[in-house]
């Protein structure tokens, strides 16, 4: 029984640590709104979604078995892809 409790405690600690690490990587809005208004709007929505997930984690005092943390990681990836899309658009307009 103690082993199960220890494993559960370790898993909870790792989930909290992962959530904190992801929170430090909040998506940044780096796409120029004047050059790419649609991509900039998409980035703002990604940031808002990330913030809402963080609020949900705090409200529930847990990481929801890692699903919220995974969703936040995917939002970080989406934000990076949006930035890359803007960079490609910039290259195509030279």
C-alpha atoms as a PDB file:
ATOM      1  CA  UNK A   1       0.000   0.000   0.000  1.00  0.00           C
ATOM      2  CA  UNK A   2       2.846   2.405   0.829  1.00  0.00           C
ATOM      3  CA  UNK A   3       4.450   1.743  -2.551  1.00  0.00           C
ATOM      4  CA  UNK A   4       1.228   2.745  -4.343  1.00  0.00           C
ATOM      5  CA  UNK A   5       1.045   5.919  -2.260  1.00  0.00           C
ATOM      6  CA  UNK A   6       4.671   6.756  -3.072  1.00  0.00           C
ATOM      7  CA  UNK A   7       4.164   6.182  -6.798  1.00  0.00           C
ATOM      8  CA  UNK A   8       1.002   8.279  -6.735  1.00  0.00           C
ATOM      9  CA  UNK A   9       2.764  11.082  -4.876  1.00  0.00           C
ATOM     10  CA  UNK A  10       5.660  11.008  -7.327  1.00  0.00           C
ATOM     11  CA  UNK A  11       3.292  11.131 -10.292  1.00  0.00           C
ATOM     12  CA  UNK A  12       1.438  14.076  -8.763  1.00  0.00           C
ATOM     13  CA  UNK A  13       4.705  15.922  -8.137  1.00  0.00           C
ATOM     14  CA  UNK A  14       5.808  15.352 -11.735  1.00  0.00           C
ATOM     15  CA  UNK A  15       2.460  16.610 -13.052  1.00  0.00           C
ATOM     16  CA  UNK A  16       2.725  19.755 -10.953  1.00  0.00           C
ATOM     17  CA  UNK A  17       6.323  20.298 -12.059  1.00  0.00           C
ATOM     18  CA  UNK A  18       5.373  19.797 -15.716  1.00  0.00           C
ATOM     19  CA  UNK A  19       2.511  22.241 -15.343  1.00  0.00           C
ATOM     20  CA  UNK A  20       4.836  24.844 -13.822  1.00  0.00           C
ATOM     21  CA  UNK A  21       7.376  24.371 -16.590  1.00  0.00           C
ATOM     22  CA  UNK A  22       4.722  24.835 -19.249  1.00  0.00           C
ATOM     23  CA  UNK A  23       3.334  27.891 -17.515  1.00  0.00           C
ATOM     24  CA  UNK A  24       6.772  29.464 -17.816  1.00  0.00           C
ATOM     25  CA  UNK A  25       6.522  28.931 -21.583  1.00  0.00           C
ATOM     26  CA  UNK A  26       3.351  30.960 -22.103  1.00  0.00           C
ATOM     27  CA  UNK A  27       2.890  31.589 -25.828  1.00  0.00           C
ATOM     28  CA  UNK A  28       4.033  35.037 -26.914  1.00  0.00           C
ATOM     29  CA  UNK A  29       2.318  37.123 -29.558  1.00  0.00           C
ATOM     30  CA  UNK A  30       5.183  37.833 -31.978  1.00  0.00           C
ATOM     31  CA  UNK A  31       3.336  38.103 -35.290  1.00  0.00           C
ATOM     32  CA  UNK A  32       2.906  41.659 -36.540  1.00  0.00           C
ATOM     33  CA  UNK A  33      -0.788  42.563 -36.506  1.00  0.00           C
ATOM     34  CA  UNK A  34      -0.287  45.090 -39.287  1.00  0.00           C
ATOM     35  CA  UNK A  35       1.505  42.639 -41.602  1.00  0.00           C
ATOM     36  CA  UNK A  36      -0.552  39.519 -40.801  1.00  0.00           C
ATOM     37  CA  UNK A  37      -3.793  40.413 -39.007  1.00  0.00           C
ATOM     38  CA  UNK A  38      -5.285  36.907 -39.278  1.00  0.00           C
ATOM     39  CA  UNK A  39      -2.179  35.173 -37.963  1.00  0.00           C
ATOM     40  CA  UNK A  40      -1.841  37.749 -35.167  1.00  0.00           C
ATOM     41  CA  UNK A  41      -5.485  37.139 -34.222  1.00  0.00           C
ATOM     42  CA  UNK A  42      -4.837  33.379 -34.176  1.00  0.00           C
ATOM     43  CA  UNK A  43      -1.884  33.934 -31.854  1.00  0.00           C
ATOM     44  CA  UNK A  44      -4.004  36.022 -29.503  1.00  0.00           C
ATOM     45  CA  UNK A  45      -6.587  33.231 -29.356  1.00  0.00           C
ATOM     46  CA  UNK A  46      -3.877  30.652 -28.620  1.00  0.00           C
ATOM     47  CA  UNK A  47      -2.633  32.834 -25.768  1.00  0.00           C
ATOM     48  CA  UNK A  48      -6.175  33.243 -24.419  1.00  0.00           C
ATOM     49  CA  UNK A  49      -6.747  29.477 -24.578  1.00  0.00           C
ATOM     50  CA  UNK A  50      -3.475  28.889 -22.721  1.00  0.00           C
ATOM     51  CA  UNK A  51      -4.520  31.367 -20.026  1.00  0.00           C
ATOM     52  CA  UNK A  52      -7.937  29.714 -19.674  1.00  0.00           C
ATOM     53  CA  UNK A  53      -6.305  26.307 -19.248  1.00  0.00           C
ATOM     54  CA  UNK A  54      -4.043  27.739 -16.557  1.00  0.00           C
ATOM     55  CA  UNK A  55      -7.100  29.183 -14.801  1.00  0.00           C
ATOM     56  CA  UNK A  56      -8.857  25.814 -15.044  1.00  0.00           C
ATOM     57  CA  UNK A  57      -5.838  24.082 -13.511  1.00  0.00           C
ATOM     58  CA  UNK A  58      -5.824  26.540 -10.613  1.00  0.00           C
ATOM     59  CA  UNK A  59      -9.595  26.317 -10.111  1.00  0.00           C
ATOM     60  CA  UNK A  60      -9.455  22.535 -10.018  1.00  0.00           C
ATOM     61  CA  UNK A  61      -6.219  22.475  -7.986  1.00  0.00           C
ATOM     62  CA  UNK A  62      -4.884  19.762 -10.254  1.00  0.00           C
ATOM     63  CA  UNK A  63      -3.583  19.030 -13.713  1.00  0.00           C
ATOM     64  CA  UNK A  64      -6.551  16.878 -14.729  1.00  0.00           C
ATOM     65  CA  UNK A  65      -4.389  13.770 -15.179  1.00  0.00           C
ATOM     66  CA  UNK A  66      -1.994  15.603 -17.487  1.00  0.00           C
ATOM     67  CA  UNK A  67      -4.571  16.501 -20.127  1.00  0.00           C
ATOM     68  CA  UNK A  68      -4.499  20.224 -19.400  1.00  0.00           C
ATOM     69  CA  UNK A  69      -0.695  20.218 -19.456  1.00  0.00           C
ATOM     70  CA  UNK A  70      -0.730  18.331 -22.778  1.00  0.00           C
ATOM     71  CA  UNK A  71      -3.221  20.823 -24.214  1.00  0.00           C
ATOM     72  CA  UNK A  72      -0.971  23.679 -23.103  1.00  0.00           C
ATOM     73  CA  UNK A  73       2.026  22.047 -24.773  1.00  0.00           C
ATOM     74  CA  UNK A  74       0.039  21.694 -27.997  1.00  0.00           C
ATOM     75  CA  UNK A  75      -0.914  25.377 -27.797  1.00  0.00           C
ATOM     76  CA  UNK A  76       2.770  26.276 -27.464  1.00  0.00           C
ATOM     77  CA  UNK A  77       3.438  24.213 -30.595  1.00  0.00           C
ATOM     78  CA  UNK A  78       0.529  25.873 -32.410  1.00  0.00           C
ATOM     79  CA  UNK A  79       1.923  29.281 -31.508  1.00  0.00           C
ATOM     80  CA  UNK A  80       5.320  28.311 -32.912  1.00  0.00           C
ATOM     81  CA  UNK A  81       3.707  27.114 -36.144  1.00  0.00           C
ATOM     82  CA  UNK A  82       1.794  30.395 -36.478  1.00  0.00           C
ATOM     83  CA  UNK A  83       5.061  32.293 -36.085  1.00  0.00           C
ATOM     84  CA  UNK A  84       6.689  30.109 -38.763  1.00  0.00           C
ATOM     85  CA  UNK A  85       3.723  30.695 -41.065  1.00  0.00           C
ATOM     86  CA  UNK A  86       4.206  34.454 -40.700  1.00  0.00           C
ATOM     87  CA  UNK A  87       7.919  34.118 -41.425  1.00  0.00           C
ATOM     88  CA  UNK A  88       7.172  32.171 -44.628  1.00  0.00           C
ATOM     89  CA  UNK A  89       4.591  34.782 -45.636  1.00  0.00           C
ATOM     90  CA  UNK A  90       7.222  37.471 -45.075  1.00  0.00           C
ATOM     91  CA  UNK A  91       9.684  35.602 -47.306  1.00  0.00           C
ATOM     92  CA  UNK A  92       7.099  35.245 -50.062  1.00  0.00           C
ATOM     93  CA  UNK A  93       6.403  38.991 -50.087  1.00  0.00           C
ATOM     94  CA  UNK A  94      10.030  40.057 -50.654  1.00  0.00           C
END
